Amino acid sequence: MSQTPASPQGSLDNLPLADRLRWLLAVRIGVVVLLPVAAWGITRTADTPALGALVVPGVVLLAVGLVLHKLSSLGRRWAVAAITVPVILDAVHLGWALYVAGGISGPVVYVIVLHVICVTLLGSFRTGLKLALWHSLVVMSVL
């Protein structure tokens, strides 16, 4: 068998981990902060907690994600932590947003599905499967 030399760009099938982290961070801004705030605005009633109860934890989660993203250049373990830890915390935050913005019949359910799809596409299918299970446990805890 003849082997072809590896191209300097690497395989086009696999996106480098640093690029996936960058895209995941960008997606998290929309999915974890902006979409739950929009859902809060749509489902707001007199009993709904203030907007700060939803925005402050989202901003803290983004700050944790940024710190881990900066630390991901220290090695593979930090890079794996930069993917898994924020995603797990995002699921808890989306569970809180589900509670705040209308429950299981509200629009946050669709945000949770979008979060699982984004993580599956940007992370890995195994991470997406684990995240789907984690989201189901968080939603069951909220209910």
N, C-alpha and C. Protein backbone atom coordinates (compact mmCIF):
# COMPACT_ATOMS: atom_id res chain seq x y z
N MET A 1 0.82 -1.18 0.00
CA MET A 1 0.00 0.00 0.00
C MET A 1 0.86 1.24 0.00
N SER A 2 0.46 2.15 -0.76
CA SER A 2 1.19 3.41 -0.77
C SER A 2 0.48 4.41 0.13
N GLN A 3 1.26 5.17 0.81
CA GLN A 3 0.70 6.17 1.69
C GLN A 3 0.92 7.54 1.08
N THR A 4 -0.07 8.36 1.19
CA THR A 4 0.08 9.72 0.71
C THR A 4 0.56 10.59 1.86
N PRO A 5 1.43 11.51 1.57
CA PRO A 5 1.92 12.37 2.65
C PRO A 5 0.79 13.22 3.20
N ALA A 6 0.86 13.46 4.47
CA ALA A 6 -0.17 14.27 5.13
C ALA A 6 -0.05 15.71 4.66
N SER A 7 -1.18 16.31 4.44
CA SER A 7 -1.16 17.70 4.01
C SER A 7 -0.83 18.59 5.21
N PRO A 8 -0.26 19.74 4.98
CA PRO A 8 0.09 20.61 6.09
C PRO A 8 -1.14 21.13 6.84
N GLN A 9 -2.30 21.13 6.19
CA GLN A 9 -3.50 21.61 6.85
C GLN A 9 -4.15 20.52 7.69
N GLY A 10 -3.77 19.30 7.54
CA GLY A 10 -4.39 18.21 8.26
C GLY A 10 -5.65 17.75 7.53
N SER A 11 -6.38 16.93 8.17
CA SER A 11 -7.60 16.41 7.58
C SER A 11 -8.68 17.49 7.57
N LEU A 12 -9.41 17.54 6.50
CA LEU A 12 -10.50 18.50 6.41
C LEU A 12 -11.75 17.99 7.12
N ASP A 13 -11.74 16.71 7.52
CA ASP A 13 -12.88 16.14 8.21
C ASP A 13 -12.93 16.57 9.67
N ASN A 14 -11.79 16.84 10.27
CA ASN A 14 -11.73 17.17 11.69
C ASN A 14 -11.35 18.62 11.87
N LEU A 15 -12.14 19.32 12.65
CA LEU A 15 -11.85 20.70 12.98
C LEU A 15 -10.96 20.71 14.22
N PRO A 16 -9.89 21.48 14.25
CA PRO A 16 -9.02 21.49 15.42
C PRO A 16 -9.79 21.89 16.69
N LEU A 17 -9.31 21.38 17.81
CA LEU A 17 -9.98 21.61 19.09
C LEU A 17 -10.08 23.09 19.42
N ALA A 18 -9.07 23.86 19.11
CA ALA A 18 -9.10 25.29 19.41
C ALA A 18 -10.22 25.99 18.64
N ASP A 19 -10.42 25.59 17.39
CA ASP A 19 -11.50 26.18 16.60
C ASP A 19 -12.87 25.77 17.14
N ARG A 20 -12.99 24.51 17.55
CA ARG A 20 -14.27 24.06 18.11
C ARG A 20 -14.57 24.80 19.41
N LEU A 21 -13.55 25.03 20.23
CA LEU A 21 -13.74 25.79 21.47
C LEU A 21 -14.20 27.21 21.17
N ARG A 22 -13.59 27.82 20.18
CA ARG A 22 -13.95 29.19 19.81
C ARG A 22 -15.39 29.27 19.33
N TRP A 23 -15.80 28.34 18.49
CA TRP A 23 -17.17 28.33 17.99
C TRP A 23 -18.16 28.01 19.10
N LEU A 24 -17.78 27.09 19.98
CA LEU A 24 -18.67 26.74 21.09
C LEU A 24 -18.86 27.93 22.02
N LEU A 25 -17.83 28.71 22.24
CA LEU A 25 -17.95 29.90 23.08
C LEU A 25 -18.89 30.91 22.42
N ALA A 26 -18.80 31.07 21.12
CA ALA A 26 -19.68 32.00 20.42
C ALA A 26 -21.14 31.52 20.47
N VAL A 27 -21.35 30.23 20.32
CA VAL A 27 -22.70 29.68 20.38
C VAL A 27 -23.28 29.83 21.78
N ARG A 28 -22.44 29.64 22.78
CA ARG A 28 -22.91 29.75 24.16
C ARG A 28 -23.43 31.14 24.48
N ILE A 29 -22.85 32.17 23.88
CA ILE A 29 -23.33 33.53 24.12
C ILE A 29 -24.80 33.64 23.71
N GLY A 30 -25.12 33.09 22.56
CA GLY A 30 -26.50 33.16 22.09
C GLY A 30 -27.43 32.21 22.79
N VAL A 31 -27.01 30.97 22.96
CA VAL A 31 -27.90 29.95 23.48
C VAL A 31 -28.09 30.04 24.99
N VAL A 32 -27.06 30.43 25.71
CA VAL A 32 -27.14 30.42 27.17
C VAL A 32 -27.58 31.76 27.73
N VAL A 33 -27.28 32.86 27.06
CA VAL A 33 -27.63 34.17 27.60
C VAL A 33 -28.77 34.82 26.83
N LEU A 34 -28.62 34.97 25.52
CA LEU A 34 -29.59 35.75 24.75
C LEU A 34 -30.94 35.06 24.57
N LEU A 35 -30.95 33.79 24.21
CA LEU A 35 -32.22 33.11 23.99
C LEU A 35 -33.04 32.92 25.27
N PRO A 36 -32.44 32.56 26.42
CA PRO A 36 -33.26 32.52 27.64
C PRO A 36 -33.82 33.89 28.04
N VAL A 37 -33.08 34.97 27.78
CA VAL A 37 -33.59 36.30 28.08
C VAL A 37 -34.78 36.61 27.18
N ALA A 38 -34.69 36.22 25.90
CA ALA A 38 -35.83 36.41 24.99
C ALA A 38 -37.03 35.58 25.45
N ALA A 39 -36.77 34.35 25.90
CA ALA A 39 -37.86 33.50 26.40
C ALA A 39 -38.47 34.11 27.66
N TRP A 40 -37.64 34.70 28.52
CA TRP A 40 -38.15 35.37 29.71
C TRP A 40 -39.06 36.53 29.31
N GLY A 41 -38.65 37.29 28.31
CA GLY A 41 -39.47 38.42 27.86
C GLY A 41 -40.80 37.98 27.27
N ILE A 42 -40.81 36.84 26.59
CA ILE A 42 -42.04 36.34 25.97
C ILE A 42 -43.01 35.82 27.03
N THR A 43 -42.50 35.13 28.03
CA THR A 43 -43.36 34.46 29.02
C THR A 43 -43.50 35.23 30.33
N ARG A 44 -43.06 36.46 30.38
CA ARG A 44 -43.05 37.22 31.63
C ARG A 44 -44.47 37.47 32.14
N THR A 45 -44.64 37.25 33.44
CA THR A 45 -45.89 37.55 34.13
C THR A 45 -45.54 38.33 35.39
N ALA A 46 -46.54 38.60 36.19
CA ALA A 46 -46.30 39.34 37.44
C ALA A 46 -45.51 38.50 38.44
N ASP A 47 -45.62 37.18 38.34
CA ASP A 47 -44.93 36.29 39.29
C ASP A 47 -43.50 35.98 38.88
N THR A 48 -43.11 36.33 37.68
CA THR A 48 -41.79 35.99 37.14
C THR A 48 -40.70 36.75 37.89
N PRO A 49 -39.62 36.06 38.27
CA PRO A 49 -38.49 36.77 38.90
C PRO A 49 -37.90 37.83 37.98
N ALA A 50 -37.13 38.72 38.56
CA ALA A 50 -36.52 39.81 37.80
C ALA A 50 -35.54 39.27 36.76
N LEU A 51 -35.26 40.09 35.77
CA LEU A 51 -34.35 39.71 34.70
C LEU A 51 -32.95 39.42 35.21
N GLY A 52 -32.53 40.09 36.26
CA GLY A 52 -31.20 39.87 36.84
C GLY A 52 -31.01 38.45 37.34
N ALA A 53 -32.09 37.80 37.75
CA ALA A 53 -32.00 36.42 38.23
C ALA A 53 -31.63 35.46 37.11
N LEU A 54 -31.80 35.90 35.88
CA LEU A 54 -31.46 35.07 34.74
C LEU A 54 -30.16 35.52 34.06
N VAL A 55 -29.92 36.81 34.04
CA VAL A 55 -28.76 37.35 33.32
C VAL A 55 -27.47 37.17 34.12
N VAL A 56 -27.51 37.42 35.42
CA VAL A 56 -26.29 37.35 36.23
C VAL A 56 -25.66 35.96 36.20
N PRO A 57 -26.43 34.87 36.42
CA PRO A 57 -25.78 33.55 36.30
C PRO A 57 -25.26 33.26 34.89
N GLY A 58 -25.95 33.76 33.86
CA GLY A 58 -25.48 33.55 32.49
C GLY A 58 -24.16 34.24 32.22
N VAL A 59 -24.01 35.44 32.74
CA VAL A 59 -22.76 36.17 32.55
C VAL A 59 -21.63 35.50 33.33
N VAL A 60 -21.93 35.00 34.53
CA VAL A 60 -20.92 34.28 35.32
C VAL A 60 -20.47 33.02 34.57
N LEU A 61 -21.42 32.31 33.97
CA LEU A 61 -21.07 31.12 33.19
C LEU A 61 -20.19 31.46 31.99
N LEU A 62 -20.50 32.56 31.34
CA LEU A 62 -19.65 32.97 30.23
C LEU A 62 -18.25 33.35 30.69
N ALA A 63 -18.16 33.98 31.86
CA ALA A 63 -16.84 34.33 32.40
C ALA A 63 -16.03 33.07 32.72
N VAL A 64 -16.69 32.07 33.30
CA VAL A 64 -16.01 30.79 33.58
C VAL A 64 -15.55 30.16 32.27
N GLY A 65 -16.39 30.21 31.25
CA GLY A 65 -16.02 29.66 29.95
C GLY A 65 -14.84 30.39 29.32
N LEU A 66 -14.80 31.72 29.48
CA LEU A 66 -13.67 32.49 28.94
C LEU A 66 -12.37 32.14 29.65
N VAL A 67 -12.44 32.02 30.97
CA VAL A 67 -11.23 31.66 31.73
C VAL A 67 -10.72 30.28 31.31
N LEU A 68 -11.63 29.31 31.21
CA LEU A 68 -11.21 27.98 30.80
C LEU A 68 -10.74 27.96 29.34
N HIS A 69 -11.33 28.81 28.52
CA HIS A 69 -10.87 28.91 27.13
C HIS A 69 -9.43 29.42 27.08
N LYS A 70 -9.09 30.40 27.91
CA LYS A 70 -7.71 30.91 27.95
C LYS A 70 -6.76 29.84 28.49
N LEU A 71 -7.22 29.05 29.47
CA LEU A 71 -6.38 28.00 30.05
C LEU A 71 -6.24 26.79 29.13
N SER A 72 -7.09 26.70 28.10
CA SER A 72 -7.04 25.53 27.22
C SER A 72 -5.74 25.44 26.43
N SER A 73 -5.03 26.54 26.33
CA SER A 73 -3.75 26.50 25.61
C SER A 73 -2.64 25.82 26.42
N LEU A 74 -2.91 25.53 27.70
CA LEU A 74 -1.91 24.89 28.55
C LEU A 74 -1.78 23.38 28.30
N GLY A 75 -2.74 22.80 27.64
CA GLY A 75 -2.65 21.37 27.37
C GLY A 75 -4.01 20.77 27.09
N ARG A 76 -3.96 19.49 26.73
CA ARG A 76 -5.19 18.79 26.34
C ARG A 76 -6.18 18.66 27.49
N ARG A 77 -5.70 18.44 28.70
CA ARG A 77 -6.62 18.30 29.85
C ARG A 77 -7.40 19.58 30.10
N TRP A 78 -6.72 20.71 29.97
CA TRP A 78 -7.41 21.98 30.15
C TRP A 78 -8.40 22.21 29.00
N ALA A 79 -8.04 21.76 27.81
CA ALA A 79 -8.94 21.91 26.66
C ALA A 79 -10.20 21.06 26.83
N VAL A 80 -10.04 19.86 27.33
CA VAL A 80 -11.20 19.00 27.59
C VAL A 80 -12.06 19.62 28.69
N ALA A 81 -11.41 20.17 29.73
CA ALA A 81 -12.17 20.84 30.78
C ALA A 81 -12.88 22.08 30.25
N ALA A 82 -12.27 22.75 29.28
CA ALA A 82 -12.88 23.94 28.69
C ALA A 82 -14.13 23.60 27.88
N ILE A 83 -14.24 22.36 27.45
CA ILE A 83 -15.45 21.94 26.74
C ILE A 83 -16.49 21.40 27.72
N THR A 84 -16.08 20.54 28.64
CA THR A 84 -17.06 19.82 29.45
C THR A 84 -17.65 20.65 30.60
N VAL A 85 -16.82 21.37 31.32
CA VAL A 85 -17.31 22.09 32.51
C VAL A 85 -18.34 23.16 32.14
N PRO A 86 -18.07 24.04 31.17
CA PRO A 86 -19.09 25.04 30.84
C PRO A 86 -20.38 24.42 30.30
N VAL A 87 -20.27 23.33 29.56
CA VAL A 87 -21.46 22.70 28.99
C VAL A 87 -22.34 22.13 30.10
N ILE A 88 -21.73 21.53 31.10
CA ILE A 88 -22.50 20.99 32.23
C ILE A 88 -23.16 22.12 33.01
N LEU A 89 -22.42 23.20 33.24
CA LEU A 89 -22.99 24.33 33.95
C LEU A 89 -24.07 25.03 33.12
N ASP A 90 -23.91 25.05 31.80
CA ASP A 90 -24.93 25.62 30.93
C ASP A 90 -26.25 24.86 31.07
N ALA A 91 -26.17 23.56 31.20
CA ALA A 91 -27.38 22.76 31.36
C ALA A 91 -28.11 23.11 32.65
N VAL A 92 -27.36 23.34 33.71
CA VAL A 92 -27.98 23.75 34.97
C VAL A 92 -28.62 25.13 34.82
N HIS A 93 -27.93 26.03 34.14
CA HIS A 93 -28.47 27.37 33.91
C HIS A 93 -29.73 27.31 33.04
N LEU A 94 -29.74 26.47 32.03
CA LEU A 94 -30.93 26.34 31.20
C LEU A 94 -32.07 25.68 31.97
N GLY A 95 -31.75 24.83 32.92
CA GLY A 95 -32.79 24.30 33.81
C GLY A 95 -33.41 25.41 34.66
N TRP A 96 -32.57 26.31 35.15
CA TRP A 96 -33.07 27.46 35.90
C TRP A 96 -33.92 28.35 34.99
N ALA A 97 -33.47 28.56 33.75
CA ALA A 97 -34.24 29.37 32.80
C ALA A 97 -35.57 28.69 32.49
N LEU A 98 -35.59 27.37 32.44
CA LEU A 98 -36.83 26.64 32.22
C LEU A 98 -37.80 26.89 33.36
N TYR A 99 -37.29 26.91 34.57
CA TYR A 99 -38.13 27.17 35.73
C TYR A 99 -38.66 28.61 35.71
N VAL A 100 -37.81 29.56 35.36
CA VAL A 100 -38.18 30.98 35.38
C VAL A 100 -39.13 31.33 34.24
N ALA A 101 -38.93 30.74 33.07
CA ALA A 101 -39.63 31.19 31.86
C ALA A 101 -40.70 30.21 31.40
N GLY A 102 -41.57 29.82 32.26
CA GLY A 102 -42.76 29.12 31.80
C GLY A 102 -42.79 27.62 31.93
N GLY A 103 -41.75 26.99 32.44
CA GLY A 103 -41.78 25.55 32.64
C GLY A 103 -41.67 24.76 31.34
N ILE A 104 -42.20 23.55 31.39
CA ILE A 104 -42.04 22.61 30.28
C ILE A 104 -42.83 23.04 29.05
N SER A 105 -43.83 23.87 29.22
CA SER A 105 -44.62 24.33 28.07
C SER A 105 -44.08 25.63 27.48
N GLY A 106 -43.01 26.17 28.05
CA GLY A 106 -42.43 27.42 27.57
C GLY A 106 -41.43 27.22 26.46
N PRO A 107 -40.88 28.31 25.94
CA PRO A 107 -39.95 28.23 24.81
C PRO A 107 -38.54 27.77 25.17
N VAL A 108 -38.21 27.66 26.44
CA VAL A 108 -36.85 27.26 26.81
C VAL A 108 -36.58 25.80 26.46
N VAL A 109 -37.63 25.02 26.33
CA VAL A 109 -37.45 23.62 25.91
C VAL A 109 -36.75 23.56 24.56
N TYR A 110 -37.12 24.46 23.66
CA TYR A 110 -36.50 24.49 22.34
C TYR A 110 -35.06 25.00 22.42
N VAL A 111 -34.79 25.86 23.37
CA VAL A 111 -33.42 26.33 23.58
C VAL A 111 -32.55 25.17 24.07
N ILE A 112 -33.10 24.32 24.92
CA ILE A 112 -32.36 23.16 25.42
C ILE A 112 -32.04 22.21 24.26
N VAL A 113 -33.00 21.98 23.39
CA VAL A 113 -32.75 21.12 22.23
C VAL A 113 -31.68 21.73 21.33
N LEU A 114 -31.75 23.03 21.12
CA LEU A 114 -30.74 23.72 20.31
C LEU A 114 -29.36 23.61 20.97
N HIS A 115 -29.30 23.70 22.30
CA HIS A 115 -28.03 23.57 23.01
C HIS A 115 -27.43 22.19 22.80
N VAL A 116 -28.24 21.16 22.91
CA VAL A 116 -27.75 19.79 22.70
C VAL A 116 -27.25 19.61 21.27
N ILE A 117 -27.97 20.14 20.30
CA ILE A 117 -27.55 20.01 18.90
C ILE A 117 -26.22 20.73 18.67
N CYS A 118 -26.09 21.94 19.20
CA CYS A 118 -24.84 22.69 19.01
C CYS A 118 -23.65 21.99 19.64
N VAL A 119 -23.83 21.48 20.84
CA VAL A 119 -22.73 20.79 21.51
C VAL A 119 -22.39 19.50 20.78
N THR A 120 -23.39 18.81 20.27
CA THR A 120 -23.13 17.58 19.53
C THR A 120 -22.34 17.86 18.26
N LEU A 121 -22.69 18.94 17.57
CA LEU A 121 -21.99 19.26 16.33
C LEU A 121 -20.59 19.82 16.57
N LEU A 122 -20.43 20.62 17.63
CA LEU A 122 -19.14 21.26 17.87
C LEU A 122 -18.22 20.44 18.78
N GLY A 123 -18.79 19.69 19.68
CA GLY A 123 -17.99 18.85 20.57
C GLY A 123 -17.78 17.49 19.95
N SER A 124 -18.62 16.56 20.37
CA SER A 124 -18.60 15.22 19.79
C SER A 124 -19.97 14.60 20.02
N PHE A 125 -20.24 13.53 19.32
CA PHE A 125 -21.54 12.90 19.48
C PHE A 125 -21.69 12.29 20.87
N ARG A 126 -20.59 11.82 21.45
CA ARG A 126 -20.65 11.27 22.81
C ARG A 126 -20.92 12.37 23.83
N THR A 127 -20.29 13.52 23.65
CA THR A 127 -20.56 14.64 24.54
C THR A 127 -22.01 15.08 24.40
N GLY A 128 -22.53 15.10 23.20
CA GLY A 128 -23.92 15.46 22.98
C GLY A 128 -24.87 14.47 23.63
N LEU A 129 -24.54 13.19 23.56
CA LEU A 129 -25.39 12.17 24.19
C LEU A 129 -25.37 12.30 25.71
N LYS A 130 -24.20 12.52 26.27
CA LYS A 130 -24.09 12.72 27.72
C LYS A 130 -24.83 13.98 28.14
N LEU A 131 -24.74 15.02 27.32
CA LEU A 131 -25.42 16.28 27.63
C LEU A 131 -26.94 16.11 27.55
N ALA A 132 -27.43 15.34 26.59
CA ALA A 132 -28.87 15.09 26.51
C ALA A 132 -29.36 14.39 27.76
N LEU A 133 -28.59 13.41 28.25
CA LEU A 133 -28.96 12.73 29.49
C LEU A 133 -28.91 13.70 30.67
N TRP A 134 -27.89 14.53 30.73
CA TRP A 134 -27.76 15.50 31.81
C TRP A 134 -28.92 16.51 31.78
N HIS A 135 -29.28 16.98 30.59
CA HIS A 135 -30.41 17.89 30.47
C HIS A 135 -31.70 17.23 30.96
N SER A 136 -31.88 15.96 30.63
CA SER A 136 -33.10 15.29 31.08
C SER A 136 -33.14 15.17 32.60
N LEU A 137 -31.98 14.92 33.21
CA LEU A 137 -31.95 14.87 34.68
C LEU A 137 -32.22 16.25 35.30
N VAL A 138 -31.68 17.29 34.69
CA VAL A 138 -31.91 18.65 35.20
C VAL A 138 -33.37 19.02 35.04
N VAL A 139 -33.97 18.72 33.90
CA VAL A 139 -35.38 19.05 33.69
C VAL A 139 -36.27 18.27 34.66
N MET A 140 -35.96 17.01 34.89
CA MET A 140 -36.73 16.23 35.86
C MET A 140 -36.59 16.81 37.26
N SER A 141 -35.43 17.33 37.60
CA SER A 141 -35.24 17.96 38.90
C SER A 141 -36.05 19.25 39.02
N VAL A 142 -36.12 19.99 37.92
CA VAL A 142 -36.88 21.25 37.93
C VAL A 142 -38.37 20.95 38.08
N LEU A 143 -38.82 19.91 37.40
CA LEU A 143 -40.25 19.57 37.48
C LEU A 143 -40.60 18.98 38.82
